[in-house]
N, C-alpha and C. Protein backbone atom coordinates (compact mmCIF):
# COMPACT_ATOMS: atom_id res chain seq x y z
N MET A 1 -14.65 7.74 -12.64
CA MET A 1 -13.62 7.22 -11.73
C MET A 1 -12.42 6.85 -11.70
N THR A 2 -11.45 7.21 -10.78
CA THR A 2 -10.13 6.79 -11.15
C THR A 2 -9.93 5.39 -10.90
N GLN A 3 -9.12 4.91 -11.82
CA GLN A 3 -8.71 3.47 -11.55
C GLN A 3 -7.29 3.40 -10.88
N ILE A 4 -7.23 2.54 -10.36
CA ILE A 4 -5.69 2.34 -9.81
C ILE A 4 -4.55 2.36 -10.45
N ARG A 5 -4.64 1.71 -11.79
CA ARG A 5 -3.69 1.81 -13.00
C ARG A 5 -3.46 3.56 -13.10
N HIS A 6 -4.33 4.33 -13.43
CA HIS A 6 -4.13 5.52 -13.32
C HIS A 6 -3.50 6.33 -12.07
N LEU A 7 -3.44 5.82 -10.73
CA LEU A 7 -2.86 6.20 -9.87
C LEU A 7 -1.73 5.98 -9.64
N LEU A 8 -1.35 4.78 -10.25
CA LEU A 8 0.10 4.28 -10.45
C LEU A 8 0.91 5.09 -11.63
N GLU A 9 0.10 5.23 -12.39
CA GLU A 9 0.91 5.95 -13.41
C GLU A 9 1.06 7.20 -13.12
N SER A 10 0.90 8.13 -11.73
CA SER A 10 1.36 9.14 -11.39
C SER A 10 2.18 9.26 -10.27
N LYS A 11 1.95 8.15 -9.53
CA LYS A 11 2.70 7.75 -8.42
C LYS A 11 4.16 7.05 -8.51
N GLY A 12 3.81 5.94 -9.69
CA GLY A 12 4.93 5.47 -10.12
C GLY A 12 4.75 3.70 -9.31
N HIS A 13 5.42 3.03 -9.93
CA HIS A 13 5.21 1.58 -9.87
C HIS A 13 6.53 0.80 -8.72
N GLU A 14 7.29 1.85 -8.05
CA GLU A 14 8.22 1.14 -7.41
C GLU A 14 7.40 0.79 -5.94
N VAL A 15 8.15 -0.69 -6.20
CA VAL A 15 7.41 -1.69 -4.91
C VAL A 15 9.01 -2.15 -4.22
N TRP A 16 8.79 -1.79 -2.65
CA TRP A 16 9.93 -2.47 -1.93
C TRP A 16 9.56 -3.53 -1.42
N THR A 17 10.58 -4.52 -1.33
CA THR A 17 10.18 -5.71 -0.83
C THR A 17 11.04 -6.24 0.28
N ILE A 18 10.77 -7.86 0.78
CA ILE A 18 11.88 -8.34 1.74
C ILE A 18 11.46 -9.74 1.45
N GLN A 19 12.44 -10.60 2.19
CA GLN A 19 12.01 -12.13 1.93
C GLN A 19 11.51 -12.65 3.36
N PRO A 20 11.02 -13.34 3.38
CA PRO A 20 10.31 -14.08 4.60
C PRO A 20 11.14 -14.40 5.84
N ASP A 21 12.50 -14.88 5.47
CA ASP A 21 13.55 -15.28 6.15
C ASP A 21 14.38 -13.83 6.98
N ASP A 22 14.20 -12.71 6.12
CA ASP A 22 14.62 -11.57 6.66
C ASP A 22 14.30 -11.13 8.06
N THR A 23 15.33 -10.61 8.72
CA THR A 23 14.46 -10.36 10.48
C THR A 23 13.92 -9.01 10.39
N VAL A 24 13.44 -9.11 11.20
CA VAL A 24 12.33 -7.70 11.76
C VAL A 24 13.23 -6.71 11.67
N LEU A 25 14.38 -6.47 12.25
CA LEU A 25 15.19 -5.56 12.36
C LEU A 25 15.79 -4.95 10.85
N HIS A 26 16.18 -6.01 10.21
CA HIS A 26 16.44 -5.43 8.73
C HIS A 26 15.17 -4.72 7.88
N ALA A 27 13.99 -5.23 8.41
CA ALA A 27 12.71 -4.71 7.58
C ALA A 27 12.65 -3.13 8.17
N LEU A 28 12.80 -2.92 9.39
CA LEU A 28 12.62 -1.62 10.12
C LEU A 28 13.87 -0.83 9.69
N GLU A 29 14.91 -1.51 9.39
CA GLU A 29 16.03 -0.56 8.65
C GLU A 29 15.91 0.03 7.34
N GLU A 30 15.09 -1.01 6.59
CA GLU A 30 14.58 -0.70 5.12
C GLU A 30 13.71 0.15 5.07
N MET A 31 12.66 0.01 6.04
CA MET A 31 11.67 0.99 5.76
C MET A 31 12.12 2.53 6.48
N ALA A 32 12.85 2.42 7.35
CA ALA A 32 13.54 3.76 7.89
C ALA A 32 14.16 4.49 6.33
N ALA A 33 15.11 3.91 6.10
CA ALA A 33 15.80 4.29 5.06
C ALA A 33 15.43 4.64 3.70
N LYS A 34 14.03 3.96 3.34
CA LYS A 34 13.38 4.56 2.38
C LYS A 34 11.91 5.43 2.63
N ASP A 35 11.87 5.48 4.11
CA ASP A 35 10.73 6.55 4.48
C ASP A 35 9.43 5.93 4.14
N ILE A 36 9.25 4.80 4.57
CA ILE A 36 8.12 4.22 3.90
C ILE A 36 7.60 3.11 5.23
N GLY A 37 6.43 3.08 5.35
CA GLY A 37 5.54 2.34 6.39
C GLY A 37 5.13 0.81 6.31
N GLY A 38 5.70 0.25 5.01
CA GLY A 38 5.39 -1.28 4.88
C GLY A 38 6.50 -1.63 3.40
N LEU A 39 6.42 -3.26 3.72
CA LEU A 39 7.23 -3.73 2.85
C LEU A 39 6.53 -4.73 1.96
N ILE A 40 6.26 -5.46 1.18
CA ILE A 40 5.72 -6.74 0.45
C ILE A 40 6.66 -7.64 0.72
N VAL A 41 6.19 -8.82 1.39
CA VAL A 41 7.08 -9.93 1.43
C VAL A 41 6.96 -10.83 0.36
N VAL A 42 8.30 -11.23 -0.41
CA VAL A 42 7.97 -12.05 -1.82
C VAL A 42 8.81 -13.33 -1.29
N ASP A 43 8.37 -14.37 -1.80
CA ASP A 43 9.34 -15.62 -1.72
C ASP A 43 9.48 -16.24 -3.20
N ASN A 44 10.60 -16.11 -3.51
CA ASN A 44 10.69 -16.57 -4.75
C ASN A 44 10.00 -16.04 -6.00
N GLY A 45 10.18 -14.55 -5.78
CA GLY A 45 9.41 -13.86 -6.51
C GLY A 45 7.53 -13.76 -6.61
N GLU A 46 6.98 -14.58 -5.75
CA GLU A 46 5.95 -14.47 -5.12
C GLU A 46 5.14 -13.61 -4.18
N TYR A 47 4.35 -13.13 -4.29
CA TYR A 47 3.67 -12.21 -3.04
C TYR A 47 3.34 -13.01 -2.02
N VAL A 48 3.67 -12.95 -1.10
CA VAL A 48 3.42 -13.99 0.30
C VAL A 48 2.85 -13.39 1.45
N GLY A 49 3.14 -11.86 1.49
CA GLY A 49 2.37 -11.25 2.75
C GLY A 49 3.04 -9.96 2.55
N ILE A 50 2.61 -9.26 4.05
CA ILE A 50 3.22 -7.83 3.96
C ILE A 50 3.37 -7.47 5.32
N PHE A 51 4.49 -6.83 5.59
CA PHE A 51 5.07 -6.33 6.76
C PHE A 51 5.02 -5.14 6.83
N THR A 52 4.43 -4.37 7.97
CA THR A 52 4.26 -3.10 7.93
C THR A 52 4.42 -2.49 9.39
N GLU A 53 4.47 -1.32 9.80
CA GLU A 53 4.81 -0.62 11.20
C GLU A 53 3.57 -1.01 12.05
N ARG A 54 2.34 -1.23 11.32
CA ARG A 54 1.64 -1.56 12.46
C ARG A 54 1.95 -3.45 12.82
N GLN A 55 2.10 -4.15 11.89
CA GLN A 55 2.62 -5.40 12.29
C GLN A 55 3.60 -5.55 13.37
N TYR A 56 4.57 -4.31 13.07
CA TYR A 56 5.76 -4.27 14.06
C TYR A 56 5.33 -4.16 15.67
N ALA A 57 4.36 -3.25 15.57
CA ALA A 57 3.87 -2.78 16.86
C ALA A 57 3.25 -3.92 17.68
N ARG A 58 2.17 -4.66 16.81
CA ARG A 58 1.32 -5.38 17.58
C ARG A 58 1.84 -7.04 17.48
N ASN A 59 2.66 -7.47 16.77
CA ASN A 59 3.28 -8.64 16.56
C ASN A 59 4.73 -8.53 16.89
N VAL A 60 5.22 -7.74 17.60
CA VAL A 60 6.98 -7.95 17.70
C VAL A 60 7.05 -6.88 19.04
N PHE A 61 6.66 -5.93 18.96
CA PHE A 61 7.09 -4.85 20.15
C PHE A 61 6.02 -5.42 21.36
N LEU A 62 5.12 -5.24 21.01
CA LEU A 62 3.85 -5.61 22.38
C LEU A 62 4.26 -6.96 22.82
N LYS A 63 4.47 -7.97 22.11
CA LYS A 63 4.73 -9.20 22.44
C LYS A 63 6.22 -9.47 23.04
N GLY A 64 6.95 -8.56 23.13
CA GLY A 64 8.46 -8.30 23.33
C GLY A 64 9.40 -9.45 22.82
N ARG A 65 9.08 -9.39 21.50
CA ARG A 65 9.92 -10.51 20.43
C ARG A 65 11.53 -9.28 20.14
N ALA A 66 12.20 -10.01 19.99
CA ALA A 66 13.48 -9.32 19.52
C ALA A 66 13.47 -9.06 17.98
N SER A 67 13.57 -7.65 17.56
CA SER A 67 13.90 -7.43 16.54
C SER A 67 14.99 -8.14 15.54
N PRO A 68 16.14 -8.28 16.14
CA PRO A 68 17.22 -8.68 15.48
C PRO A 68 17.18 -10.53 15.18
N SER A 69 16.42 -11.08 15.74
CA SER A 69 16.20 -12.52 15.78
C SER A 69 14.93 -13.00 15.18
N THR A 70 13.75 -12.00 15.15
CA THR A 70 12.56 -12.70 14.77
C THR A 70 12.24 -12.45 12.98
N PRO A 71 12.18 -13.91 12.59
CA PRO A 71 12.03 -13.60 11.11
C PRO A 71 10.66 -13.17 10.54
N ILE A 72 10.62 -12.53 9.70
CA ILE A 72 9.34 -11.71 8.93
C ILE A 72 8.52 -12.64 8.94
N ARG A 73 8.66 -14.05 8.70
CA ARG A 73 7.45 -14.81 8.43
C ARG A 73 6.55 -15.01 9.58
N ASP A 74 7.13 -14.78 10.73
CA ASP A 74 6.55 -15.07 12.17
C ASP A 74 5.54 -13.69 12.61
N VAL A 75 5.83 -12.70 11.70
CA VAL A 75 5.15 -11.73 12.26
C VAL A 75 4.10 -10.96 11.07
N MET A 76 4.54 -11.45 9.74
CA MET A 76 3.88 -10.56 8.63
C MET A 76 2.36 -11.09 8.68
N ARG A 77 1.60 -10.04 7.76
CA ARG A 77 0.48 -10.37 7.44
C ARG A 77 0.26 -11.29 6.32
N THR A 78 -0.45 -12.60 6.49
CA THR A 78 -0.34 -13.47 5.57
C THR A 78 -1.78 -13.76 4.33
N ASP A 79 -2.51 -12.78 4.94
CA ASP A 79 -3.85 -12.96 4.05
C ASP A 79 -3.68 -12.50 2.57
N ARG A 80 -2.73 -11.89 2.25
CA ARG A 80 -2.27 -11.85 0.71
C ARG A 80 -3.34 -11.21 0.16
N LEU A 81 -4.15 -9.97 0.68
CA LEU A 81 -5.25 -8.91 0.18
C LEU A 81 -4.19 -8.07 -1.12
N PHE A 82 -4.77 -7.98 -2.02
CA PHE A 82 -4.07 -7.30 -3.36
C PHE A 82 -5.35 -6.39 -4.20
N LEU A 83 -4.91 -5.66 -4.78
CA LEU A 83 -5.94 -4.97 -5.75
C LEU A 83 -5.38 -5.19 -7.13
N ARG A 84 -6.16 -4.88 -8.16
CA ARG A 84 -5.69 -5.07 -9.19
C ARG A 84 -6.15 -3.72 -10.19
N PRO A 85 -5.05 -3.62 -11.18
CA PRO A 85 -5.23 -2.16 -11.48
C PRO A 85 -6.22 -1.66 -12.42
N GLU A 86 -7.46 -2.59 -12.48
CA GLU A 86 -8.73 -2.03 -13.34
C GLU A 86 -9.65 -1.61 -12.22
N GLN A 87 -9.43 -1.99 -10.96
CA GLN A 87 -10.07 -1.46 -9.63
C GLN A 87 -10.18 -0.10 -9.75
N THR A 88 -11.35 0.63 -9.17
CA THR A 88 -11.51 1.93 -8.86
C THR A 88 -10.90 2.15 -7.55
N ILE A 89 -10.56 3.58 -7.09
CA ILE A 89 -10.18 4.01 -6.04
C ILE A 89 -11.54 4.02 -4.98
N GLN A 90 -12.48 3.91 -5.55
CA GLN A 90 -13.62 3.35 -4.26
C GLN A 90 -13.56 2.06 -3.83
N GLU A 91 -13.26 1.46 -4.78
CA GLU A 91 -13.15 0.09 -4.39
C GLU A 91 -11.93 -0.38 -3.31
N CYS A 92 -11.17 0.50 -3.62
CA CYS A 92 -9.63 0.47 -2.72
C CYS A 92 -10.03 0.80 -1.55
N MET A 93 -10.74 1.96 -1.26
CA MET A 93 -11.09 2.51 0.12
C MET A 93 -12.13 1.23 0.48
N PHE A 94 -13.00 0.90 -0.01
CA PHE A 94 -13.66 -0.07 0.71
C PHE A 94 -13.07 -1.42 1.18
N VAL A 95 -12.05 -2.03 0.37
CA VAL A 95 -11.11 -3.16 0.81
C VAL A 95 -10.25 -2.23 1.99
N MET A 96 -9.77 -1.47 2.10
CA MET A 96 -8.79 -0.77 3.23
C MET A 96 -9.73 -0.78 4.46
N SER A 97 -11.09 -0.15 3.96
CA SER A 97 -11.76 0.01 5.17
C SER A 97 -12.26 -1.38 5.81
N GLU A 98 -12.63 -2.27 5.04
CA GLU A 98 -13.56 -3.53 5.45
C GLU A 98 -12.20 -4.12 5.97
N LYS A 99 -10.82 -4.42 5.42
CA LYS A 99 -9.98 -5.02 6.16
C LYS A 99 -9.19 -4.34 7.17
N ASN A 100 -9.06 -3.28 7.52
CA ASN A 100 -8.44 -2.32 8.16
C ASN A 100 -7.03 -2.38 7.93
N VAL A 101 -6.56 -1.96 6.56
CA VAL A 101 -5.36 -1.98 6.02
C VAL A 101 -5.00 -0.50 5.54
N ARG A 102 -3.65 -0.39 5.53
CA ARG A 102 -3.39 1.18 4.76
C ARG A 102 -2.26 0.76 3.75
N HIS A 103 -2.08 -0.34 3.50
CA HIS A 103 -1.17 -0.79 2.18
C HIS A 103 -1.57 -2.03 1.77
N LEU A 104 -1.88 -1.74 0.10
CA LEU A 104 -2.33 -2.82 -0.69
C LEU A 104 -1.44 -2.76 -1.94
N PRO A 105 -0.80 -4.03 -1.80
CA PRO A 105 0.00 -4.17 -3.53
C PRO A 105 -0.99 -4.46 -4.55
N VAL A 106 -0.67 -4.14 -5.93
CA VAL A 106 -1.48 -4.14 -7.08
C VAL A 106 -0.58 -5.14 -7.95
N LEU A 107 -1.61 -6.40 -8.33
CA LEU A 107 -1.22 -7.39 -8.83
C LEU A 107 -1.96 -7.15 -10.52
N ASP A 108 -0.84 -7.61 -11.22
CA ASP A 108 -1.49 -7.41 -12.69
C ASP A 108 -0.89 -8.91 -13.16
N HIS A 109 -2.06 -9.59 -13.64
CA HIS A 109 -1.62 -10.93 -14.16
C HIS A 109 -0.52 -11.79 -12.97
N GLY A 110 -0.64 -11.52 -11.74
CA GLY A 110 -0.11 -12.67 -10.95
C GLY A 110 1.41 -11.80 -10.39
N LYS A 111 1.67 -10.60 -10.95
CA LYS A 111 3.03 -9.99 -11.07
C LYS A 111 2.46 -8.73 -10.23
N ILE A 112 3.32 -8.45 -9.15
CA ILE A 112 3.43 -7.11 -8.15
C ILE A 112 3.82 -5.82 -9.33
N CYS A 113 2.58 -4.98 -9.36
CA CYS A 113 3.00 -3.67 -10.17
C CYS A 113 3.07 -2.63 -9.74
N GLY A 114 2.89 -2.41 -8.37
CA GLY A 114 2.68 -1.49 -7.40
C GLY A 114 2.14 -1.58 -6.15
N VAL A 115 2.19 -0.40 -5.39
CA VAL A 115 1.55 -0.28 -4.08
C VAL A 115 0.66 0.70 -3.83
N VAL A 116 -0.47 0.49 -3.08
CA VAL A 116 -1.16 1.70 -3.01
C VAL A 116 -1.55 1.71 -1.33
N THR A 117 -1.10 3.27 -0.82
CA THR A 117 -1.47 3.54 0.51
C THR A 117 -2.51 4.13 0.55
N ILE A 118 -2.84 4.26 1.93
CA ILE A 118 -4.27 5.20 2.17
C ILE A 118 -3.98 6.36 1.87
N GLY A 119 -2.32 7.04 2.10
CA GLY A 119 -2.35 8.31 1.66
C GLY A 119 -2.44 8.46 0.21
N ASP A 120 -2.20 7.73 -0.87
CA ASP A 120 -2.18 7.72 -2.21
C ASP A 120 -3.95 8.00 -2.42
N VAL A 121 -4.75 7.10 -1.72
CA VAL A 121 -5.98 7.14 -1.60
C VAL A 121 -6.35 8.46 -1.54
N LEU A 122 -6.38 9.14 -0.40
CA LEU A 122 -6.59 10.34 0.08
C LEU A 122 -6.15 11.45 -1.10
N ARG A 123 -5.07 11.31 -1.21
CA ARG A 123 -4.64 12.51 -2.47
C ARG A 123 -5.18 12.28 -3.87
N SER A 124 -5.68 10.88 -4.14
CA SER A 124 -6.56 10.95 -5.27
C SER A 124 -7.67 11.57 -5.19
N LEU A 125 -8.63 11.34 -3.97
CA LEU A 125 -9.72 12.17 -3.64
C LEU A 125 -9.84 13.33 -3.64
N VAL A 126 -8.60 13.94 -3.13
CA VAL A 126 -8.85 15.34 -3.03
C VAL A 126 -8.44 15.92 -4.40
N THR A 127 -7.44 15.47 -5.32
CA THR A 127 -7.35 15.61 -6.49
C THR A 127 -8.89 15.70 -7.47
N ASP A 128 -9.20 14.47 -7.41
CA ASP A 128 -10.58 14.23 -8.12
C ASP A 128 -11.77 15.55 -7.92
N ARG A 129 -11.78 15.89 -6.29
CA ARG A 129 -12.81 16.69 -6.00
C ARG A 129 -12.47 17.97 -6.68
N GLU A 130 -11.11 18.46 -6.23
CA GLU A 130 -10.76 19.82 -6.69
C GLU A 130 -11.02 19.85 -8.30
N PHE A 131 -10.56 18.66 -9.00
CA PHE A 131 -11.14 19.00 -10.52
C PHE A 131 -12.77 19.27 -10.57
N ASP A 132 -13.53 18.40 -9.75
CA ASP A 132 -15.08 18.55 -9.89
C ASP A 132 -15.33 19.80 -9.76
N ILE A 133 -14.88 20.32 -8.49
CA ILE A 133 -15.08 21.95 -8.19
C ILE A 133 -14.68 22.81 -9.28
N ASP A 134 -13.37 22.42 -9.78
CA ASP A 134 -13.06 23.61 -10.94
C ASP A 134 -14.00 23.69 -12.20
N GLN A 135 -14.44 22.43 -12.27
CA GLN A 135 -15.34 22.17 -13.51
C GLN A 135 -16.76 22.77 -13.13
N LEU A 136 -17.24 23.05 -12.03
CA LEU A 136 -18.54 23.17 -11.81
C LEU A 136 -18.17 24.79 -11.70
N VAL A 137 -16.96 25.31 -11.11
CA VAL A 137 -16.96 27.01 -11.22
C VAL A 137 -16.80 27.43 -12.58
N ASN A 138 -16.23 26.75 -13.56
CA ASN A 138 -16.17 27.04 -14.67
C ASN A 138 -17.47 27.15 -15.66
N TYR A 139 -18.22 26.05 -15.31
CA TYR A 139 -19.61 25.93 -16.08
C TYR A 139 -20.52 27.01 -15.55
N ILE A 140 -20.33 27.30 -13.90
CA ILE A 140 -21.40 28.34 -13.56
C ILE A 140 -20.98 29.80 -14.04
N SER A 141 -19.99 30.05 -14.18
CA SER A 141 -19.43 31.22 -14.46
C SER A 141 -19.57 31.30 -15.86
N GLY A 142 -19.73 30.57 -16.79
CA GLY A 142 -19.99 30.41 -18.24
C GLY A 142 -18.58 30.15 -18.72
N GLY A 143 -17.71 29.75 -18.34
CA GLY A 143 -16.61 29.38 -19.03
C GLY A 143 -15.91 30.38 -19.29
N ARG A 144 -15.99 31.63 -18.51
CA ARG A 144 -14.94 32.41 -18.72
C ARG A 144 -13.65 32.63 -17.87
C-alpha cells in the first residue's frame, strides 16, 4: 500500500500558506496565481486551518461578504484535519470521504511537510492499479 510519504516524494513537498488576518481577496489572488484550490492557514508557523474554493463559495460568496474586507480567520475551516506521512492512501481516502474535504495537510512531528489533494489520491490509485495490471499481465504471459 502506498504511504503518504511516497506520494509526497513523487509530487513534492511544496506548501502554500496564508495568514489568518489576510483577506479573502488576497487568498483568491494567491490561489489563482499558483493555480491551486486551497491554502493552509498558519499563525506564527502553526497550522490553524485551511481556506479553499469551497470555503469561499459557501462562507463568502453565498453570504454576501466582501472579499477585500473579510479576513480569512472568519471563513476558514478550523477543524485542523491532517495526515501523517506513514498513513496510507486508503486511510487518506477514508478521511477525505468521511470529512467531505479535498485537501489535507501532512504533518510530520507537528510540522507541515506537504499537502495531499483528492487529485493526488486519484492519480496514485490509478498508478497503483496500472502497476498491478502490468504485473498480472506479465505473470500470465510467462514473463515474456
